[in-house]
Amino acid sequence: MLLNSDTELIENSIKFVYERSFSLNDLGAATVRLIYPDGEVQPAANYFPDIGLQFLEVTRLFRICKKYYFSKRPTIDYNKNFTADWIWGTFYFFPKKNLELFDGKLPDTFFMYGEDVEWGYLLAKKNLKSYYFSDSTIIHHSGKSLYKERNVALTKNSRHFIKKYYGNLHCFAFIFLTAAGNFIEGKKKKFHF
């Protein structure tokens, strides 16, 4: 069990997930509903990077092919239980036996921001799932243990993850699409469209 130092247990979430884990033969890892102190729900589970879908987002072509896009990226409701591609490492419960898949320890390619994506990716390769349970909640004082260069680290680690697991061409496409998306967002704010 991994639990960030900036979390606050308001109920016995660890026991809840532990008991739930016995009925899950394909459990890679599990988390619970994370909220900010003001009650807003945090997006603690998500999808793996997908260059094709990123292209549709940046070019706004997802509006034309909505059915395809949303079949690959359905809207996530963090107030319901579901399986995700990966879950945040903030509250990260996993069976001890899963460590045997990684020679006794979780991979440490990334110090922060990206390690949980990698763990989810590697667990998925072993046909194990990442579960998100909304039935139990903890408070996450997100940002209390972070350093100032958070966004830089997120982008850098995303590039590294994509290069390592998807290859150089996908990494180049990610860099280009991220830059294009940032440019478009800047123009959108400036010109209000």
C-alpha atoms as a PDB file:
ATOM      1  CA  MET A   1       0.000   0.000   0.000  1.00  0.00           C
ATOM      2  CA  LEU A   2       1.336   3.401  -1.002  1.00  0.00           C
ATOM      3  CA  LEU A   3      -0.228   6.455   0.646  1.00  0.00           C
ATOM      4  CA  ASN A   4       0.935  10.026   0.094  1.00  0.00           C
ATOM      5  CA  SER A   5       1.874  12.137   3.092  1.00  0.00           C
ATOM      6  CA  ASP A   6      -0.591  14.826   1.972  1.00  0.00           C
ATOM      7  CA  THR A   7      -3.656  12.603   2.385  1.00  0.00           C
ATOM      8  CA  GLU A   8      -6.222  12.480   5.180  1.00  0.00           C
ATOM      9  CA  LEU A   9      -8.123   9.281   5.915  1.00  0.00           C
ATOM     10  CA  ILE A  10     -11.695  10.171   6.859  1.00  0.00           C
ATOM     11  CA  GLU A  11     -12.896   6.565   6.903  1.00  0.00           C
ATOM     12  CA  ASN A  12     -11.237   3.164   6.797  1.00  0.00           C
ATOM     13  CA  SER A  13     -10.481   3.223   3.061  1.00  0.00           C
ATOM     14  CA  ILE A  14      -7.559   0.835   3.387  1.00  0.00           C
ATOM     15  CA  LYS A  15      -9.747  -1.855   4.992  1.00  0.00           C
ATOM     16  CA  PHE A  16     -12.442  -1.200   2.376  1.00  0.00           C
ATOM     17  CA  VAL A  17     -10.078  -1.817  -0.558  1.00  0.00           C
ATOM     18  CA  TYR A  18      -8.381  -4.738   1.200  1.00  0.00           C
ATOM     19  CA  GLU A  19     -11.711  -6.515   1.673  1.00  0.00           C
ATOM     20  CA  ARG A  20     -12.825  -5.704  -1.872  1.00  0.00           C
ATOM     21  CA  SER A  21      -9.565  -7.087  -3.294  1.00  0.00           C
ATOM     22  CA  PHE A  22     -10.425 -10.707  -2.406  1.00  0.00           C
ATOM     23  CA  SER A  23     -13.127 -10.809  -5.083  1.00  0.00           C
ATOM     24  CA  LEU A  24     -10.850  -9.451  -7.845  1.00  0.00           C
ATOM     25  CA  ASN A  25      -8.705 -12.083  -9.545  1.00  0.00           C
ATOM     26  CA  ASP A  26      -7.368  -9.565 -12.051  1.00  0.00           C
ATOM     27  CA  LEU A  27      -6.400  -6.838  -9.559  1.00  0.00           C
ATOM     28  CA  GLY A  28      -3.318  -4.924 -10.582  1.00  0.00           C
ATOM     29  CA  ALA A  29      -3.884  -1.979  -8.262  1.00  0.00           C
ATOM     30  CA  ALA A  30      -6.766  -0.037  -6.737  1.00  0.00           C
ATOM     31  CA  THR A  31      -7.525   3.427  -5.476  1.00  0.00           C
ATOM     32  CA  VAL A  32     -10.467   5.231  -3.924  1.00  0.00           C
ATOM     33  CA  ARG A  33     -12.239   8.509  -4.562  1.00  0.00           C
ATOM     34  CA  LEU A  34      -9.877  11.422  -3.841  1.00  0.00           C
ATOM     35  CA  ILE A  35     -11.254  14.844  -2.996  1.00  0.00           C
ATOM     36  CA  TYR A  36      -9.772  18.255  -2.296  1.00  0.00           C
ATOM     37  CA  PRO A  37     -10.462  19.716   1.169  1.00  0.00           C
ATOM     38  CA  ASP A  38     -13.337  21.716  -0.373  1.00  0.00           C
ATOM     39  CA  GLY A  39     -15.011  18.472  -1.560  1.00  0.00           C
ATOM     40  CA  GLU A  40     -14.163  18.730  -5.268  1.00  0.00           C
ATOM     41  CA  VAL A  41     -13.404  15.308  -6.769  1.00  0.00           C
ATOM     42  CA  GLN A  42      -9.912  14.758  -8.205  1.00  0.00           C
ATOM     43  CA  PRO A  43      -9.296  12.923 -11.503  1.00  0.00           C
ATOM     44  CA  ALA A  44      -7.396  10.052  -9.851  1.00  0.00           C
ATOM     45  CA  ALA A  45      -7.738   7.586 -12.735  1.00  0.00           C
ATOM     46  CA  ASN A  46      -7.231   8.030 -16.440  1.00  0.00           C
ATOM     47  CA  TYR A  47      -6.314   6.681 -19.873  1.00  0.00           C
ATOM     48  CA  PHE A  48      -2.908   5.944 -21.358  1.00  0.00           C
ATOM     49  CA  PRO A  49      -1.513   8.499 -23.807  1.00  0.00           C
ATOM     50  CA  ASP A  50      -2.858   8.007 -27.336  1.00  0.00           C
ATOM     51  CA  ILE A  51      -1.259  10.021 -30.140  1.00  0.00           C
ATOM     52  CA  GLY A  52      -4.155   9.467 -32.557  1.00  0.00           C
ATOM     53  CA  LEU A  53      -6.709  10.767 -30.080  1.00  0.00           C
ATOM     54  CA  GLN A  54      -4.412  13.647 -29.111  1.00  0.00           C
ATOM     55  CA  PHE A  55      -4.319  14.597 -32.811  1.00  0.00           C
ATOM     56  CA  LEU A  56      -8.129  14.591 -32.942  1.00  0.00           C
ATOM     57  CA  GLU A  57      -8.254  16.798 -29.840  1.00  0.00           C
ATOM     58  CA  VAL A  58      -5.676  19.354 -31.026  1.00  0.00           C
ATOM     59  CA  THR A  59      -7.170  19.662 -34.505  1.00  0.00           C
ATOM     60  CA  ARG A  60     -10.706  19.657 -33.068  1.00  0.00           C
ATOM     61  CA  LEU A  61     -11.553  16.817 -35.481  1.00  0.00           C
ATOM     62  CA  PHE A  62     -13.023  14.870 -32.557  1.00  0.00           C
ATOM     63  CA  ARG A  63     -16.131  17.009 -33.115  1.00  0.00           C
ATOM     64  CA  ILE A  64     -16.596  15.394 -36.533  1.00  0.00           C
ATOM     65  CA  CYS A  65     -15.917  11.834 -35.387  1.00  0.00           C
ATOM     66  CA  LYS A  66     -17.490  11.992 -31.939  1.00  0.00           C
ATOM     67  CA  LYS A  67     -18.737   8.399 -31.959  1.00  0.00           C
ATOM     68  CA  TYR A  68     -15.255   7.008 -32.612  1.00  0.00           C
ATOM     69  CA  TYR A  69     -13.533   9.440 -30.247  1.00  0.00           C
ATOM     70  CA  PHE A  70     -15.855   8.826 -27.298  1.00  0.00           C
ATOM     71  CA  SER A  71     -15.792   5.049 -27.862  1.00  0.00           C
ATOM     72  CA  LYS A  72     -12.045   5.290 -27.206  1.00  0.00           C
ATOM     73  CA  ARG A  73     -12.307   8.030 -24.558  1.00  0.00           C
ATOM     74  CA  PRO A  74     -15.646   7.746 -22.763  1.00  0.00           C
ATOM     75  CA  THR A  75     -16.320  10.485 -20.242  1.00  0.00           C
ATOM     76  CA  ILE A  76     -15.145   9.423 -16.801  1.00  0.00           C
ATOM     77  CA  ASP A  77     -17.531   9.767 -13.874  1.00  0.00           C
ATOM     78  CA  TYR A  78     -15.396   9.835 -10.727  1.00  0.00           C
ATOM     79  CA  ASN A  79     -18.493   9.269  -8.598  1.00  0.00           C
ATOM     80  CA  LYS A  80     -18.844   5.723  -9.976  1.00  0.00           C
ATOM     81  CA  ASN A  81     -16.690   2.590  -9.804  1.00  0.00           C
ATOM     82  CA  PHE A  82     -14.762   1.658 -12.956  1.00  0.00           C
ATOM     83  CA  THR A  83     -11.526   0.195 -14.269  1.00  0.00           C
ATOM     84  CA  ALA A  84      -9.010   2.650 -15.688  1.00  0.00           C
ATOM     85  CA  ASP A  85      -5.802   2.369 -17.666  1.00  0.00           C
ATOM     86  CA  TRP A  86      -3.901   3.783 -14.688  1.00  0.00           C
ATOM     87  CA  ILE A  87      -4.572   5.296 -11.287  1.00  0.00           C
ATOM     88  CA  TRP A  88      -2.774   7.937  -9.248  1.00  0.00           C
ATOM     89  CA  GLY A  89      -0.100   6.741  -6.852  1.00  0.00           C
ATOM     90  CA  THR A  90      -1.628   8.890  -4.098  1.00  0.00           C
ATOM     91  CA  PHE A  91      -3.551   5.926  -2.660  1.00  0.00           C
ATOM     92  CA  TYR A  92      -2.146   2.847  -4.371  1.00  0.00           C
ATOM     93  CA  PHE A  93      -3.236  -0.557  -3.076  1.00  0.00           C
ATOM     94  CA  PHE A  94      -1.919  -3.685  -4.770  1.00  0.00           C
ATOM     95  CA  PRO A  95      -1.449  -7.364  -3.898  1.00  0.00           C
ATOM     96  CA  LYS A  96       2.064  -8.117  -2.686  1.00  0.00           C
ATOM     97  CA  LYS A  97       2.321 -10.929  -5.249  1.00  0.00           C
ATOM     98  CA  ASN A  98       2.278  -8.286  -8.008  1.00  0.00           C
ATOM     99  CA  LEU A  99       5.746  -7.197  -6.919  1.00  0.00           C
ATOM    100  CA  GLU A 100       7.032 -10.559  -8.155  1.00  0.00           C
ATOM    101  CA  LEU A 101       6.171  -9.383 -11.665  1.00  0.00           C
ATOM    102  CA  PHE A 102       8.747  -6.611 -11.229  1.00  0.00           C
ATOM    103  CA  ASP A 103      11.579  -8.470  -9.480  1.00  0.00           C
ATOM    104  CA  GLY A 104      10.402  -7.501  -6.002  1.00  0.00           C
ATOM    105  CA  LYS A 105       9.880  -3.741  -6.381  1.00  0.00           C
ATOM    106  CA  LEU A 106       7.839  -1.308  -8.422  1.00  0.00           C
ATOM    107  CA  PRO A 107       9.775   0.221 -11.331  1.00  0.00           C
ATOM    108  CA  ASP A 108      11.363   3.555 -10.396  1.00  0.00           C
ATOM    109  CA  THR A 109      11.980   5.047 -13.831  1.00  0.00           C
ATOM    110  CA  PHE A 110      10.302   8.253 -12.644  1.00  0.00           C
ATOM    111  CA  PHE A 111      10.795   9.936  -9.291  1.00  0.00           C
ATOM    112  CA  MET A 112       7.464  11.767  -9.503  1.00  0.00           C
ATOM    113  CA  TYR A 113       4.766  12.343 -12.123  1.00  0.00           C
ATOM    114  CA  GLY A 114       4.648   9.370 -14.400  1.00  0.00           C
ATOM    115  CA  GLU A 115       5.539   6.449 -12.170  1.00  0.00           C
ATOM    116  CA  ASP A 116       1.875   5.558 -11.700  1.00  0.00           C
ATOM    117  CA  VAL A 117       1.257   5.653 -15.469  1.00  0.00           C
ATOM    118  CA  GLU A 118       4.165   3.274 -15.974  1.00  0.00           C
ATOM    119  CA  TRP A 119       2.949   0.921 -13.235  1.00  0.00           C
ATOM    120  CA  GLY A 120      -0.524   0.816 -14.776  1.00  0.00           C
ATOM    121  CA  TYR A 121       0.944   0.209 -18.223  1.00  0.00           C
ATOM    122  CA  LEU A 122       3.120  -2.672 -17.035  1.00  0.00           C
ATOM    123  CA  LEU A 123       0.285  -4.210 -15.007  1.00  0.00           C
ATOM    124  CA  ALA A 124      -2.011  -4.004 -18.051  1.00  0.00           C
ATOM    125  CA  LYS A 125       0.630  -5.840 -20.084  1.00  0.00           C
ATOM    126  CA  LYS A 126       0.223  -8.670 -17.542  1.00  0.00           C
ATOM    127  CA  ASN A 127      -3.600  -8.585 -18.019  1.00  0.00           C
ATOM    128  CA  LEU A 128      -4.149  -6.970 -14.631  1.00  0.00           C
ATOM    129  CA  LYS A 129      -6.540  -4.067 -14.089  1.00  0.00           C
ATOM    130  CA  SER A 130      -6.432  -0.759 -12.246  1.00  0.00           C
ATOM    131  CA  TYR A 131      -9.612  -0.274 -10.212  1.00  0.00           C
ATOM    132  CA  TYR A 132     -11.160   2.986  -9.066  1.00  0.00           C
ATOM    133  CA  PHE A 133     -13.657   2.744  -6.199  1.00  0.00           C
ATOM    134  CA  SER A 134     -15.918   5.693  -5.496  1.00  0.00           C
ATOM    135  CA  ASP A 135     -17.493   3.896  -2.513  1.00  0.00           C
ATOM    136  CA  SER A 136     -14.757   5.141  -0.200  1.00  0.00           C
ATOM    137  CA  THR A 137     -13.210   8.614  -0.012  1.00  0.00           C
ATOM    138  CA  ILE A 138     -10.042  10.246   1.265  1.00  0.00           C
ATOM    139  CA  ILE A 139      -8.991  13.890   1.311  1.00  0.00           C
ATOM    140  CA  HIS A 140      -5.929  14.675  -0.761  1.00  0.00           C
ATOM    141  CA  HIS A 141      -4.271  17.997   0.004  1.00  0.00           C
ATOM    142  CA  SER A 142      -2.853  17.956  -3.511  1.00  0.00           C
ATOM    143  CA  GLY A 143       0.108  20.202  -4.055  1.00  0.00           C
ATOM    144  CA  LYS A 144       1.352  20.188  -0.454  1.00  0.00           C
ATOM    145  CA  SER A 145       4.245  17.864  -1.228  1.00  0.00           C
ATOM    146  CA  LEU A 146       4.967  19.022  -4.772  1.00  0.00           C
ATOM    147  CA  TYR A 147       7.811  21.075  -6.138  1.00  0.00           C
ATOM    148  CA  LYS A 148       7.404  24.219  -8.244  1.00  0.00           C
ATOM    149  CA  GLU A 149       8.439  22.690 -11.558  1.00  0.00           C
ATOM    150  CA  ARG A 150       5.465  20.276 -11.530  1.00  0.00           C
ATOM    151  CA  ASN A 151       4.214  21.048 -15.052  1.00  0.00           C
ATOM    152  CA  VAL A 152       7.713  20.845 -16.519  1.00  0.00           C
ATOM    153  CA  ALA A 153       8.235  17.460 -14.855  1.00  0.00           C
ATOM    154  CA  LEU A 154       4.848  16.194 -16.064  1.00  0.00           C
ATOM    155  CA  THR A 155       5.623  17.081 -19.680  1.00  0.00           C
ATOM    156  CA  LYS A 156       9.180  15.733 -19.498  1.00  0.00           C
ATOM    157  CA  ASN A 157       8.070  12.455 -17.939  1.00  0.00           C
ATOM    158  CA  SER A 158       5.205  12.071 -20.415  1.00  0.00           C
ATOM    159  CA  ARG A 159       7.719  12.418 -23.257  1.00  0.00           C
ATOM    160  CA  HIS A 160      10.034   9.882 -21.612  1.00  0.00           C
ATOM    161  CA  PHE A 161       7.184   7.417 -21.038  1.00  0.00           C
ATOM    162  CA  ILE A 162       5.982   7.678 -24.645  1.00  0.00           C
ATOM    163  CA  LYS A 163       9.521   7.325 -26.027  1.00  0.00           C
ATOM    164  CA  LYS A 164      10.250   4.296 -23.823  1.00  0.00           C
ATOM    165  CA  TYR A 165       7.033   2.388 -24.508  1.00  0.00           C
ATOM    166  CA  TYR A 166       5.768   3.725 -27.863  1.00  0.00           C
ATOM    167  CA  GLY A 167       8.976   4.733 -29.671  1.00  0.00           C
ATOM    168  CA  ASN A 168      10.683   7.822 -31.099  1.00  0.00           C
ATOM    169  CA  LEU A 169       8.078   8.606 -33.781  1.00  0.00           C
ATOM    170  CA  HIS A 170       5.269   8.725 -31.224  1.00  0.00           C
ATOM    171  CA  CYS A 171       7.449  10.851 -28.964  1.00  0.00           C
ATOM    172  CA  PHE A 172       8.051  13.361 -31.758  1.00  0.00           C
ATOM    173  CA  ALA A 173       4.311  13.430 -32.514  1.00  0.00           C
ATOM    174  CA  PHE A 174       3.556  13.976 -28.818  1.00  0.00           C
ATOM    175  CA  ILE A 175       5.966  16.930 -28.624  1.00  0.00           C
ATOM    176  CA  PHE A 176       4.548  18.473 -31.809  1.00  0.00           C
ATOM    177  CA  LEU A 177       0.907  17.986 -30.784  1.00  0.00           C
ATOM    178  CA  THR A 178       1.528  19.302 -27.262  1.00  0.00           C
ATOM    179  CA  ALA A 179       3.169  22.444 -28.681  1.00  0.00           C
ATOM    180  CA  ALA A 180       0.351  22.868 -31.211  1.00  0.00           C
ATOM    181  CA  GLY A 181      -2.267  22.393 -28.504  1.00  0.00           C
ATOM    182  CA  ASN A 182      -0.582  24.976 -26.264  1.00  0.00           C
ATOM    183  CA  PHE A 183      -0.399  27.427 -29.178  1.00  0.00           C
ATOM    184  CA  ILE A 184      -4.072  26.928 -30.047  1.00  0.00           C
ATOM    185  CA  GLU A 185      -5.119  27.306 -26.404  1.00  0.00           C
ATOM    186  CA  GLY A 186      -3.130  30.546 -26.213  1.00  0.00           C
ATOM    187  CA  LYS A 187      -4.820  31.870 -29.356  1.00  0.00           C
ATOM    188  CA  LYS A 188      -8.203  30.756 -28.066  1.00  0.00           C
ATOM    189  CA  LYS A 189      -7.743  32.740 -24.867  1.00  0.00           C
ATOM    190  CA  LYS A 190      -6.416  35.757 -26.728  1.00  0.00           C
ATOM    191  CA  PHE A 191      -9.138  35.860 -29.398  1.00  0.00           C
ATOM    192  CA  HIS A 192     -11.937  34.266 -27.345  1.00  0.00           C
ATOM    193  CA  PHE A 193     -12.980  31.586 -29.820  1.00  0.00           C
END
